[in-house]
C-alpha atoms as a PDB file:
ATOM      1  CA  MET A   1     115.018  56.275 135.930  1.00  0.00           C
ATOM      2  CA  ALA A   2     114.033  59.897 135.918  1.00  0.00           C
ATOM      3  CA  ARG A   3     112.913  61.299 132.576  1.00  0.00           C
ATOM      4  CA  ARG A   4     113.163  64.888 131.440  1.00  0.00           C
ATOM      5  CA  ALA A   5     109.787  66.533 131.488  1.00  0.00           C
ATOM      6  CA  LYS A   6     108.495  67.557 128.081  1.00  0.00           C
ATOM      7  CA  SER A   7     108.212  71.238 127.503  1.00  0.00           C
ATOM      8  CA  THR A   8     104.648  72.497 127.535  1.00  0.00           C
ATOM      9  CA  LYS A   9     105.485  75.647 125.570  1.00  0.00           C
ATOM     10  CA  GLN A  10     103.433  75.766 122.387  1.00  0.00           C
ATOM     11  CA  GLN A  11     104.783  76.926 119.055  1.00  0.00           C
ATOM     12  CA  HIS A  12     102.256  79.027 117.214  1.00  0.00           C
ATOM     13  CA  THR A  13     101.803  78.399 113.490  1.00  0.00           C
ATOM     14  CA  GLY A  14     101.292  80.845 110.638  1.00  0.00           C
ATOM     15  CA  LEU A  15      97.521  80.482 111.048  1.00  0.00           C
ATOM     16  CA  TYR A  16      97.725  82.064 114.505  1.00  0.00           C
ATOM     17  CA  TYR A  17      99.844  84.975 113.275  1.00  0.00           C
ATOM     18  CA  ALA A  18      97.673  85.532 110.199  1.00  0.00           C
ATOM     19  CA  ARG A  19      94.599  85.782 112.414  1.00  0.00           C
ATOM     20  CA  GLU A  20      96.374  88.114 114.824  1.00  0.00           C
ATOM     21  CA  ALA A  21      97.564  90.293 111.947  1.00  0.00           C
ATOM     22  CA  ARG A  22      93.920  90.772 110.929  1.00  0.00           C
ATOM     23  CA  GLY A  23      92.882  91.612 114.486  1.00  0.00           C
ATOM     24  CA  MET A  24      90.333  88.788 114.391  1.00  0.00           C
ATOM     25  CA  SER A  25      89.181  86.720 117.360  1.00  0.00           C
ATOM     26  CA  ARG A  26      89.051  82.943 117.244  1.00  0.00           C
ATOM     27  CA  SER A  27      85.278  83.029 117.576  1.00  0.00           C
ATOM     28  CA  GLU A  28      84.978  85.307 114.554  1.00  0.00           C
ATOM     29  CA  LEU A  29      87.265  83.105 112.440  1.00  0.00           C
ATOM     30  CA  VAL A  30      85.314  80.012 113.504  1.00  0.00           C
ATOM     31  CA  ARG A  31      82.107  81.687 112.369  1.00  0.00           C
ATOM     32  CA  LYS A  32      83.544  82.786 109.020  1.00  0.00           C
ATOM     33  CA  SER A  33      85.400  79.556 108.197  1.00  0.00           C
ATOM     34  CA  GLY A  34      82.981  76.930 109.530  1.00  0.00           C
ATOM     35  CA  VAL A  35      85.855  75.117 111.289  1.00  0.00           C
ATOM     36  CA  SER A  36      85.328  74.183 114.941  1.00  0.00           C
ATOM     37  CA  LYS A  37      87.044  76.156 117.678  1.00  0.00           C
ATOM     38  CA  GLN A  38      88.791  73.003 118.920  1.00  0.00           C
ATOM     39  CA  GLN A  39      90.198  72.267 115.457  1.00  0.00           C
ATOM     40  CA  LEU A  40      91.284  75.887 115.020  1.00  0.00           C
ATOM     41  CA  SER A  41      93.097  75.782 118.360  1.00  0.00           C
ATOM     42  CA  ARG A  42      94.946  72.608 117.357  1.00  0.00           C
ATOM     43  CA  LEU A  43      95.984  74.092 114.027  1.00  0.00           C
ATOM     44  CA  GLU A  44      97.137  77.382 115.545  1.00  0.00           C
ATOM     45  CA  ASN A  45      99.141  75.713 118.305  1.00  0.00           C
ATOM     46  CA  GLY A  46     100.935  73.233 116.056  1.00  0.00           C
ATOM     47  CA  LEU A  47      99.204  70.168 117.453  1.00  0.00           C
ATOM     48  CA  ILE A  48      98.333  69.216 113.874  1.00  0.00           C
ATOM     49  CA  ARG A  49     100.894  69.457 111.085  1.00  0.00           C
ATOM     50  CA  LEU A  50      99.587  72.130 108.722  1.00  0.00           C
ATOM     51  CA  ARG A  51      98.767  71.270 105.119  1.00  0.00           C
ATOM     52  CA  LEU A  52      97.367  73.525 102.406  1.00  0.00           C
ATOM     53  CA  ASP A  53      94.006  71.765 102.505  1.00  0.00           C
ATOM     54  CA  HIS A  54      93.749  72.596 106.229  1.00  0.00           C
ATOM     55  CA  LEU A  55      94.154  76.282 105.416  1.00  0.00           C
ATOM     56  CA  LYS A  56      91.775  76.664 102.479  1.00  0.00           C
ATOM     57  CA  PRO A  57      88.705  77.316 104.707  1.00  0.00           C
ATOM     58  CA  PHE A  58      90.551  80.242 106.330  1.00  0.00           C
ATOM     59  CA  ALA A  59      91.975  81.883 103.191  1.00  0.00           C
ATOM     60  CA  ASN A  60      88.968  84.014 102.211  1.00  0.00           C
ATOM     61  CA  ALA A  61      88.180  85.006 105.782  1.00  0.00           C
ATOM     62  CA  LEU A  62      91.736  86.188 106.471  1.00  0.00           C
ATOM     63  CA  GLY A  63      92.563  87.585 103.043  1.00  0.00           C
ATOM     64  CA  TYR A  64      95.733  85.489 102.742  1.00  0.00           C
ATOM     65  CA  SER A  65      96.405  82.576 100.424  1.00  0.00           C
ATOM     66  CA  PRO A  66      96.964  79.113 101.984  1.00  0.00           C
ATOM     67  CA  GLU A  67     100.600  79.354 100.848  1.00  0.00           C
ATOM     68  CA  GLN A  68     101.091  82.657 102.665  1.00  0.00           C
ATOM     69  CA  ILE A  69      99.628  81.250 105.882  1.00  0.00           C
ATOM     70  CA  LEU A  70     101.645  78.032 105.694  1.00  0.00           C
ATOM     71  CA  LEU A  71     104.916  79.892 105.057  1.00  0.00           C
ATOM     72  CA  TRP A  72     104.173  82.867 107.304  1.00  0.00           C
ATOM     73  CA  GLY A  73     107.241  85.075 107.752  1.00  0.00           C
ATOM     74  CA  ARG A  74     108.971  83.499 104.736  1.00  0.00           C
ATOM     75  CA  TYR A  75     106.441  84.312 102.014  1.00  0.00           C
ATOM     76  CA  PRO A  76     106.074  87.771 100.400  1.00  0.00           C
ATOM     77  CA  GLY A  77     103.233  89.688 101.977  1.00  0.00           C
ATOM     78  CA  THR A  78     103.594  88.169 105.445  1.00  0.00           C
ATOM     79  CA  GLY A  79     105.374  89.511 108.487  1.00  0.00           C
ATOM     80  CA  ASP A  80     107.630  88.008 111.084  1.00  0.00           C
ATOM     81  CA  HIS A  81     105.225  86.829 113.802  1.00  0.00           C
ATOM     82  CA  VAL A  82     103.461  90.169 114.126  1.00  0.00           C
ATOM     83  CA  GLU A  83     100.702  90.873 116.581  1.00  0.00           C
ATOM     84  CA  SER A  84      97.589  92.762 115.531  1.00  0.00           C
ATOM     85  CA  SER A  85      98.746  95.862 117.467  1.00  0.00           C
ATOM     86  CA  ASP A  86     101.826  96.019 115.227  1.00  0.00           C
ATOM     87  CA  VAL A  87      99.715  96.408 112.109  1.00  0.00           C
ATOM     88  CA  LEU A  88      96.399  97.990 113.048  1.00  0.00           C
ATOM     89  CA  PRO A  89      95.825 101.274 114.898  1.00  0.00           C
ATOM     90  CA  HIS A  90      94.345 101.397 118.360  1.00  0.00           C
ATOM     91  CA  LYS A  91      90.712 102.411 118.423  1.00  0.00           C
ATOM     92  CA  GLY A  92      90.446 106.169 118.055  1.00  0.00           C
ATOM     93  CA  SER A  93      93.996 106.554 116.754  1.00  0.00           C
ATOM     94  CA  ARG A  94      94.524 109.132 114.025  1.00  0.00           C
ATOM     95  CA  GLU A  95      97.944 107.852 113.044  1.00  0.00           C
ATOM     96  CA  PRO A  96      98.358 106.710 109.413  1.00  0.00           C
ATOM     97  CA  VAL A  97      97.897 102.995 108.779  1.00  0.00           C
ATOM     98  CA  GLY A  98     100.675 102.000 106.400  1.00  0.00           C
ATOM     99  CA  PRO A  99     103.225  99.247 105.959  1.00  0.00           C
ATOM    100  CA  PRO A 100     106.092  99.197 108.480  1.00  0.00           C
ATOM    101  CA  PRO A 101     109.474 100.589 107.376  1.00  0.00           C
ATOM    102  CA  GLY A 102     111.315  98.296 105.003  1.00  0.00           C
ATOM    103  CA  GLN A 103     108.167  96.889 103.427  1.00  0.00           C
ATOM    104  CA  ILE A 104     107.146  97.568  99.827  1.00  0.00           C
ATOM    105  CA  PRO A 105     103.750  99.317  99.813  1.00  0.00           C
ATOM    106  CA  GLU A 106     100.712  97.932  98.022  1.00  0.00           C
ATOM    107  CA  LEU A 107      98.406 100.522  96.488  1.00  0.00           C
ATOM    108  CA  GLU A 108      94.732 100.330  97.419  1.00  0.00           C
ATOM    109  CA  PRO A 109      92.905 100.509  94.072  1.00  0.00           C
ATOM    110  CA  ARG A 110      89.355 100.925  95.423  1.00  0.00           C
ATOM    111  CA  ALA A 111      90.008 103.493  98.137  1.00  0.00           C
ATOM    112  CA  GLY A 112      89.304 107.091  97.266  1.00  0.00           C
ATOM    113  CA  LEU A 113      86.646 106.302  94.634  1.00  0.00           C
ATOM    114  CA  GLY A 114      84.113 108.848  95.809  1.00  0.00           C
ATOM    115  CA  GLY A 115      82.766 109.296  99.284  1.00  0.00           C
ATOM    116  CA  GLY A 116      85.639 111.473 100.460  1.00  0.00           C
ATOM    117  CA  GLY A 117      88.995 110.564 101.869  1.00  0.00           C
ATOM    118  CA  VAL A 118      89.888 108.348 104.808  1.00  0.00           C
ATOM    119  CA  PRO A 119      92.069 110.402 107.145  1.00  0.00           C
ATOM    120  CA  SER A 120      93.589 107.443 108.970  1.00  0.00           C
ATOM    121  CA  ARG A 121      94.871 105.779 105.790  1.00  0.00           C
ATOM    122  CA  GLU A 122      98.376 106.426 104.535  1.00  0.00           C
ATOM    123  CA  VAL A 123      98.771 107.692 100.984  1.00  0.00           C
ATOM    124  CA  ARG A 124     101.598 107.646  98.491  1.00  0.00           C
ATOM    125  CA  LYS A 125     101.967 111.073  96.951  1.00  0.00           C
ATOM    126  CA  GLU A 126     103.232 111.538  93.412  1.00  0.00           C
ATOM    127  CA  GLY A 127     102.772 114.897  91.777  1.00  0.00           C
ATOM    128  CA  ARG A 128      99.124 115.903  92.088  1.00  0.00           C
ATOM    129  CA  HIS A 129      98.035 112.355  92.882  1.00  0.00           C
ATOM    130  CA  ALA A 130      97.679 110.739  96.305  1.00  0.00           C
ATOM    131  CA  ASP A 131      97.208 106.978  96.027  1.00  0.00           C
ATOM    132  CA  PRO A 132      95.910 105.213  99.197  1.00  0.00           C
ATOM    133  CA  VAL A 133      98.204 102.486 100.520  1.00  0.00           C
ATOM    134  CA  LYS A 134      97.119  99.231 102.146  1.00  0.00           C
ATOM    135  CA  SER A 135      97.993  98.736 105.815  1.00  0.00           C
ATOM    136  CA  GLU A 136     100.278  95.791 105.081  1.00  0.00           C
ATOM    137  CA  GLY A 137     103.182  95.815 102.680  1.00  0.00           C
ATOM    138  CA  TRP A 138     105.352  93.183 101.026  1.00  0.00           C
ATOM    139  CA  VAL A 139     108.766  91.829 101.953  1.00  0.00           C
ATOM    140  CA  PHE A 140     111.015  90.425  99.224  1.00  0.00           C
ATOM    141  CA  PRO A 141     114.500  88.942  99.726  1.00  0.00           C
ATOM    142  CA  PRO A 142     117.163  91.540  98.828  1.00  0.00           C
ATOM    143  CA  SER A 143     118.751  89.029  96.431  1.00  0.00           C
ATOM    144  CA  PHE A 144     115.465  88.718  94.511  1.00  0.00           C
ATOM    145  CA  ILE A 145     115.182  92.490  94.111  1.00  0.00           C
ATOM    146  CA  ARG A 146     118.834  92.804  93.118  1.00  0.00           C
ATOM    147  CA  ASP A 147     119.367  89.740  90.904  1.00  0.00           C
ATOM    148  CA  GLN A 148     115.887  89.149  89.445  1.00  0.00           C
ATOM    149  CA  LEU A 149     114.272  92.580  89.338  1.00  0.00           C
ATOM    150  CA  HIS A 150     117.589  94.417  88.790  1.00  0.00           C
ATOM    151  CA  THR A 151     116.552  97.454  90.807  1.00  0.00           C
ATOM    152  CA  SER A 152     116.362  98.748  94.373  1.00  0.00           C
ATOM    153  CA  ALA A 153     113.449  98.425  96.771  1.00  0.00           C
ATOM    154  CA  SER A 154     113.052 102.168  97.306  1.00  0.00           C
ATOM    155  CA  GLY A 155     110.995 102.818  94.135  1.00  0.00           C
ATOM    156  CA  LEU A 156     108.904  99.646  94.112  1.00  0.00           C
ATOM    157  CA  VAL A 157     105.159  99.383  94.699  1.00  0.00           C
ATOM    158  CA  VAL A 158     102.758  96.448  94.395  1.00  0.00           C
ATOM    159  CA  LEU A 159      99.533  96.998  92.455  1.00  0.00           C
ATOM    160  CA  ASP A 160      96.398  94.857  92.794  1.00  0.00           C
ATOM    161  CA  THR A 161      94.966  94.614  89.268  1.00  0.00           C
ATOM    162  CA  HIS A 162      91.314  94.425  88.253  1.00  0.00           C
ATOM    163  CA  GLY A 163      89.558  93.703  84.969  1.00  0.00           C
ATOM    164  CA  ASP A 164      90.259  91.388  82.036  1.00  0.00           C
ATOM    165  CA  SER A 165      91.920  93.768  79.571  1.00  0.00           C
ATOM    166  CA  MET A 166      95.365  92.178  80.034  1.00  0.00           C
ATOM    167  CA  ALA A 167      94.234  88.542  80.109  1.00  0.00           C
ATOM    168  CA  PRO A 168      95.812  86.057  79.815  1.00  0.00           C
ATOM    169  CA  THR A 169      99.088  87.842  80.673  1.00  0.00           C
ATOM    170  CA  VAL A 170      97.750  89.417  83.886  1.00  0.00           C
ATOM    171  CA  LEU A 171      94.459  88.149  85.300  1.00  0.00           C
ATOM    172  CA  SER A 172      92.069  90.157  87.445  1.00  0.00           C
ATOM    173  CA  GLY A 173      93.097  90.000  91.099  1.00  0.00           C
ATOM    174  CA  GLU A 174      96.736  89.254  90.395  1.00  0.00           C
ATOM    175  CA  ARG A 175      99.355  91.647  91.709  1.00  0.00           C
ATOM    176  CA  VAL A 176     102.216  93.188  89.793  1.00  0.00           C
ATOM    177  CA  VAL A 177     105.459  94.737  91.041  1.00  0.00           C
ATOM    178  CA  VAL A 178     106.005  98.198  89.562  1.00  0.00           C
ATOM    179  CA  ASP A 179     109.248 100.202  89.396  1.00  0.00           C
ATOM    180  CA  THR A 180     108.092 103.802  89.819  1.00  0.00           C
ATOM    181  CA  GLY A 181     111.547 105.083  88.930  1.00  0.00           C
ATOM    182  CA  HIS A 182     111.090 103.915  85.321  1.00  0.00           C
ATOM    183  CA  LYS A 183     108.716 106.400  83.670  1.00  0.00           C
ATOM    184  CA  SER A 184     109.846 106.233  80.064  1.00  0.00           C
ATOM    185  CA  PRO A 185     108.037 103.758  77.746  1.00  0.00           C
ATOM    186  CA  SER A 186     111.319 102.273  76.583  1.00  0.00           C
ATOM    187  CA  PRO A 187     111.814  99.428  76.101  1.00  0.00           C
ATOM    188  CA  ASP A 188     108.345  98.368  74.938  1.00  0.00           C
ATOM    189  CA  GLY A 189     106.534  96.263  77.513  1.00  0.00           C
ATOM    190  CA  LEU A 190     104.095  96.312  80.408  1.00  0.00           C
ATOM    191  CA  TYR A 191     103.627  99.580  82.301  1.00  0.00           C
ATOM    192  CA  ALA A 192     101.307 100.984  84.944  1.00  0.00           C
ATOM    193  CA  ILE A 193      99.674 104.160  83.626  1.00  0.00           C
ATOM    194  CA  ARG A 194      96.987 106.634  84.661  1.00  0.00           C
ATOM    195  CA  ASP A 195      93.736 106.254  82.800  1.00  0.00           C
ATOM    196  CA  SER A 196      91.267 109.020  81.994  1.00  0.00           C
ATOM    197  CA  PHE A 197      89.570 108.498  85.373  1.00  0.00           C
ATOM    198  CA  GLU A 198      92.818 109.044  87.323  1.00  0.00           C
ATOM    199  CA  GLY A 199      93.023 105.342  88.133  1.00  0.00           C
ATOM    200  CA  ILE A 200      96.085 103.155  87.641  1.00  0.00           C
ATOM    201  CA  VAL A 201      95.872 100.383  85.048  1.00  0.00           C
ATOM    202  CA  VAL A 202      98.368  97.984  83.500  1.00  0.00           C
ATOM    203  CA  LYS A 203      98.815  98.120  79.731  1.00  0.00           C
ATOM    204  CA  ARG A 204     101.354  97.113  77.104  1.00  0.00           C
ATOM    205  CA  LEU A 205     103.072 100.173  75.627  1.00  0.00           C
ATOM    206  CA  GLN A 206     104.743 100.428  72.225  1.00  0.00           C
ATOM    207  CA  LEU A 207     106.660 103.606  71.477  1.00  0.00           C
ATOM    208  CA  LEU A 208     106.206 104.780  67.863  1.00  0.00           C
ATOM    209  CA  ARG A 209     109.635 106.297  67.467  1.00  0.00           C
ATOM    210  CA  SER A 210     109.196 107.406  63.859  1.00  0.00           C
ATOM    211  CA  ALA A 211     106.204 109.607  64.692  1.00  0.00           C
ATOM    212  CA  LYS A 212     106.847 113.342  65.094  1.00  0.00           C
ATOM    213  CA  PRO A 213     106.167 114.137  67.846  1.00  0.00           C
ATOM    214  CA  PRO A 214     106.514 110.634  69.379  1.00  0.00           C
ATOM    215  CA  ARG A 215     103.327 108.679  69.987  1.00  0.00           C
ATOM    216  CA  VAL A 216     102.586 105.579  72.045  1.00  0.00           C
ATOM    217  CA  LYS A 217     100.305 102.617  71.363  1.00  0.00           C
ATOM    218  CA  ILE A 218      98.372 101.492  74.448  1.00  0.00           C
ATOM    219  CA  ILE A 219      97.700  97.814  73.896  1.00  0.00           C
ATOM    220  CA  SER A 220      95.446  95.395  75.783  1.00  0.00           C
ATOM    221  CA  ASP A 221      96.564  91.759  75.538  1.00  0.00           C
ATOM    222  CA  ASN A 222      92.898  90.736  75.516  1.00  0.00           C
ATOM    223  CA  PRO A 223      91.847  91.105  71.843  1.00  0.00           C
ATOM    224  CA  ASN A 224      88.324  92.081  72.933  1.00  0.00           C
ATOM    225  CA  HIS A 225      89.687  95.426  74.106  1.00  0.00           C
ATOM    226  CA  ALA A 226      90.626  98.115  71.585  1.00  0.00           C
ATOM    227  CA  THR A 227      94.125  99.503  71.100  1.00  0.00           C
ATOM    228  CA  GLU A 228      94.614 103.225  71.687  1.00  0.00           C
ATOM    229  CA  GLU A 229      97.235 105.654  70.447  1.00  0.00           C
ATOM    230  CA  VAL A 230      98.198 108.875  72.240  1.00  0.00           C
ATOM    231  CA  PRO A 231     100.976 111.485  72.065  1.00  0.00           C
ATOM    232  CA  LEU A 232     103.815 110.589  74.406  1.00  0.00           C
ATOM    233  CA  ALA A 233     103.486 113.967  76.110  1.00  0.00           C
ATOM    234  CA  GLU A 234      99.901 113.176  77.165  1.00  0.00           C
ATOM    235  CA  LEU A 235     100.718 109.797  78.693  1.00  0.00           C
ATOM    236  CA  GLU A 236     101.286 109.605  82.456  1.00  0.00           C
ATOM    237  CA  ILE A 237     103.393 106.568  83.343  1.00  0.00           C
ATOM    238  CA  VAL A 238     103.391 105.409  86.974  1.00  0.00           C
ATOM    239  CA  GLY A 239     106.159 102.876  86.391  1.00  0.00           C
ATOM    240  CA  LYS A 240     107.333  99.777  84.563  1.00  0.00           C
ATOM    241  CA  VAL A 241     105.877  96.390  85.491  1.00  0.00           C
ATOM    242  CA  LEU A 242     108.728  94.080  86.525  1.00  0.00           C
ATOM    243  CA  CYS A 243     106.855  90.895  87.361  1.00  0.00           C
ATOM    244  CA  CYS A 244     103.455  89.428  88.178  1.00  0.00           C
ATOM    245  CA  LEU A 245     102.764  87.728  91.526  1.00  0.00           C
ATOM    246  CA  LYS A 246     100.559  84.710  90.882  1.00  0.00           C
ATOM    247  CA  LEU A 247      99.583  83.598  94.395  1.00  0.00           C
ATOM    248  CA  PHE A 248      96.973  80.957  93.553  1.00  0.00           C
END
């Protein structure tokens, strides 16, 4: 009896697309991860069922968490089977490198700290500030933005936090979603603000409504950091923190 021939078409996994999104060759990923090229090929082509422990050696090299790689295209911060040419500029290109339309931008906290600007990097302009934006954005389900965040996607940005001043509420390296349309420190809560060095930091704000003129307490959840108090008029609020993305 004749039998139908099995299809030889391979189904790429999230590991393949994560590597392609970074513009990285297999040889380079093998070198950085310590995993053999044969094993990498099997994992990328779906010949081995992916588990999180398979992906841990690749996480640091690719800059994605094992969860993001495993659920590529369904997890915030990953695209739908993108190739590296969809995300990165061709060599010599002067076009801005920013997230594709429809993605929520993530601000690049370290870019622009001395050394001049980077002309090929997209920036988000707000008043006299121009905050560099990472080349890849975030994608959240519309129902999550509508029903959980109670806002629209148009004013949202993701901020990569650094430092321990807000521990244990927000740990260094965790990302927060910020509504840039909410610039009034009411109600009290977590906000992204400009510090004295023009950087963006997350702090807990408490509006002192009885003070004339109004003043605001800038509170660090880590008790080792001092509380400040400034006139409301001198405080520059980037937006209200809506949630924290704990990826690990």
